[in-house]
Amino acid sequence: MGYQAILDISMAFTNQSKTKEMMDKLSIVPGVACLVEISGNYDLLVMALVKDCKDIIVINEEILKIPYIKRMDAAMRQVYPVWPSPRQYISTF
């Protein structure tokens, strides 16, 4: 499908009572594939599929329009042609 990377964005909100509203807004951002509510220093993990740098810029611009975001950290990882990747084990517990 042409995706080159997965963009993992950890987000902390200023108001945790707005998490559902935030998830609704983030779910329509182009490229966003998965939203995971987490605990700790961040409130939400957003995973987006990107084809190139332009996709990263579009995702960032769309996210910046959403209120209540206190902090964001992002990391990018390669999309492997085979899943699971070598030496990656999948467990259903």
C-alpha atoms as a PDB file:
ATOM      1  CA  MET A   1       0.000   0.000   0.000  1.00  0.00           C
ATOM      2  CA  GLY A   2       3.039   2.239  -0.009  1.00  0.00           C
ATOM      3  CA  TYR A   3       3.347   2.978   3.702  1.00  0.00           C
ATOM      4  CA  GLN A   4       6.941   3.557   4.728  1.00  0.00           C
ATOM      5  CA  ALA A   5       6.635   4.066   8.489  1.00  0.00           C
ATOM      6  CA  ILE A   6       4.432   3.995  11.556  1.00  0.00           C
ATOM      7  CA  LEU A   7       4.308   7.221  13.532  1.00  0.00           C
ATOM      8  CA  ASP A   8       3.754   6.651  17.258  1.00  0.00           C
ATOM      9  CA  ILE A   9       2.529   9.774  19.043  1.00  0.00           C
ATOM     10  CA  SER A  10       2.173   9.828  22.837  1.00  0.00           C
ATOM     11  CA  MET A  11      -0.188  12.529  24.089  1.00  0.00           C
ATOM     12  CA  ALA A  12      -0.943  14.073  27.460  1.00  0.00           C
ATOM     13  CA  PHE A  13      -4.120  16.101  27.865  1.00  0.00           C
ATOM     14  CA  THR A  14      -4.881  19.128  30.001  1.00  0.00           C
ATOM     15  CA  ASN A  15      -8.337  17.709  30.756  1.00  0.00           C
ATOM     16  CA  GLN A  16      -8.715  13.914  30.957  1.00  0.00           C
ATOM     17  CA  SER A  17     -12.516  14.180  31.035  1.00  0.00           C
ATOM     18  CA  LYS A  18     -12.304  15.172  27.347  1.00  0.00           C
ATOM     19  CA  THR A  19     -10.547  11.930  26.291  1.00  0.00           C
ATOM     20  CA  LYS A  20     -13.581  10.553  24.401  1.00  0.00           C
ATOM     21  CA  GLU A  21     -14.004  13.853  22.529  1.00  0.00           C
ATOM     22  CA  MET A  22     -10.285  13.884  21.698  1.00  0.00           C
ATOM     23  CA  MET A  23     -10.397  10.301  20.432  1.00  0.00           C
ATOM     24  CA  ASP A  24     -13.340  11.156  18.169  1.00  0.00           C
ATOM     25  CA  LYS A  25     -11.410  14.081  16.655  1.00  0.00           C
ATOM     26  CA  LEU A  26      -8.161  12.128  16.298  1.00  0.00           C
ATOM     27  CA  SER A  27      -9.894   9.167  14.652  1.00  0.00           C
ATOM     28  CA  ILE A  28     -10.691  11.259  11.560  1.00  0.00           C
ATOM     29  CA  VAL A  29      -7.148  12.582  11.075  1.00  0.00           C
ATOM     30  CA  PRO A  30      -5.816  11.131   7.778  1.00  0.00           C
ATOM     31  CA  GLY A  31      -3.430   8.242   8.399  1.00  0.00           C
ATOM     32  CA  VAL A  32      -4.464   7.546  11.998  1.00  0.00           C
ATOM     33  CA  ALA A  33      -4.869   3.789  12.271  1.00  0.00           C
ATOM     34  CA  CYS A  34      -5.077   3.101  16.001  1.00  0.00           C
ATOM     35  CA  LEU A  35      -5.836   4.929  19.255  1.00  0.00           C
ATOM     36  CA  VAL A  36      -4.916   3.373  22.599  1.00  0.00           C
ATOM     37  CA  GLU A  37      -5.851   4.883  25.949  1.00  0.00           C
ATOM     38  CA  ILE A  38      -2.879   4.495  28.308  1.00  0.00           C
ATOM     39  CA  SER A  39      -1.885   5.467  31.832  1.00  0.00           C
ATOM     40  CA  GLY A  40       1.235   7.045  33.249  1.00  0.00           C
ATOM     41  CA  ASN A  41       2.836  10.205  31.886  1.00  0.00           C
ATOM     42  CA  TYR A  42       0.605  10.127  28.794  1.00  0.00           C
ATOM     43  CA  ASP A  43      -3.106   9.639  28.241  1.00  0.00           C
ATOM     44  CA  LEU A  44      -3.252   8.354  24.674  1.00  0.00           C
ATOM     45  CA  LEU A  45      -1.077   6.602  22.115  1.00  0.00           C
ATOM     46  CA  VAL A  46      -1.853   7.455  18.491  1.00  0.00           C
ATOM     47  CA  MET A  47      -0.478   5.245  15.728  1.00  0.00           C
ATOM     48  CA  ALA A  48      -0.525   6.615  12.197  1.00  0.00           C
ATOM     49  CA  LEU A  49       0.656   5.143   8.904  1.00  0.00           C
ATOM     50  CA  VAL A  50       2.745   7.468   6.747  1.00  0.00           C
ATOM     51  CA  LYS A  51       4.005   7.261   3.176  1.00  0.00           C
ATOM     52  CA  ASP A  52       6.376  10.245   3.268  1.00  0.00           C
ATOM     53  CA  CYS A  53       7.295  13.427   5.126  1.00  0.00           C
ATOM     54  CA  LYS A  54       4.268  15.247   3.722  1.00  0.00           C
ATOM     55  CA  ASP A  55       2.005  12.812   5.568  1.00  0.00           C
ATOM     56  CA  ILE A  56       3.798  13.583   8.843  1.00  0.00           C
ATOM     57  CA  ILE A  57       3.299  17.316   8.302  1.00  0.00           C
ATOM     58  CA  VAL A  58      -0.415  16.869   7.515  1.00  0.00           C
ATOM     59  CA  ILE A  59      -0.943  14.706  10.607  1.00  0.00           C
ATOM     60  CA  ASN A  60       0.880  17.227  12.805  1.00  0.00           C
ATOM     61  CA  GLU A  61      -1.112  20.160  11.419  1.00  0.00           C
ATOM     62  CA  GLU A  62      -4.418  18.364  11.998  1.00  0.00           C
ATOM     63  CA  ILE A  63      -3.481  17.374  15.539  1.00  0.00           C
ATOM     64  CA  LEU A  64      -2.449  20.952  16.382  1.00  0.00           C
ATOM     65  CA  LYS A  65      -6.035  22.070  15.643  1.00  0.00           C
ATOM     66  CA  ILE A  66      -7.355  19.898  18.480  1.00  0.00           C
ATOM     67  CA  PRO A  67      -7.689  21.549  21.925  1.00  0.00           C
ATOM     68  CA  TYR A  68      -6.670  20.119  25.323  1.00  0.00           C
ATOM     69  CA  ILE A  69      -3.315  18.670  24.213  1.00  0.00           C
ATOM     70  CA  LYS A  70      -0.712  19.487  26.852  1.00  0.00           C
ATOM     71  CA  ARG A  71       2.252  17.502  25.505  1.00  0.00           C
ATOM     72  CA  MET A  72       3.118  15.284  22.532  1.00  0.00           C
ATOM     73  CA  ASP A  73       6.103  13.077  21.826  1.00  0.00           C
ATOM     74  CA  ALA A  74       6.539  11.207  18.576  1.00  0.00           C
ATOM     75  CA  ALA A  75       8.671   8.344  17.347  1.00  0.00           C
ATOM     76  CA  MET A  76       8.787   6.673  13.977  1.00  0.00           C
ATOM     77  CA  ARG A  77       9.411   3.032  13.119  1.00  0.00           C
ATOM     78  CA  GLN A  78       9.780   1.103   9.917  1.00  0.00           C
ATOM     79  CA  VAL A  79       6.905  -0.820   8.363  1.00  0.00           C
ATOM     80  CA  TYR A  80       8.137  -4.348   7.790  1.00  0.00           C
ATOM     81  CA  PRO A  81       7.012  -6.152   4.625  1.00  0.00           C
ATOM     82  CA  VAL A  82       6.137  -9.244   6.686  1.00  0.00           C
ATOM     83  CA  TRP A  83       4.161  -9.274   9.905  1.00  0.00           C
ATOM     84  CA  PRO A  84       5.036 -10.291  12.515  1.00  0.00           C
ATOM     85  CA  SER A  85       8.592  -9.182  11.876  1.00  0.00           C
ATOM     86  CA  PRO A  86      11.447 -11.652  12.432  1.00  0.00           C
ATOM     87  CA  ARG A  87      11.843 -12.600  16.108  1.00  0.00           C
ATOM     88  CA  GLN A  88       8.620 -10.836  17.031  1.00  0.00           C
ATOM     89  CA  TYR A  89       6.232 -13.044  18.956  1.00  0.00           C
ATOM     90  CA  ILE A  90       2.533 -12.389  19.221  1.00  0.00           C
ATOM     91  CA  SER A  91       0.705 -13.489  22.355  1.00  0.00           C
ATOM     92  CA  THR A  92      -2.972 -13.469  23.188  1.00  0.00           C
ATOM     93  CA  PHE A  93      -2.130 -14.082  26.871  1.00  0.00           C
END
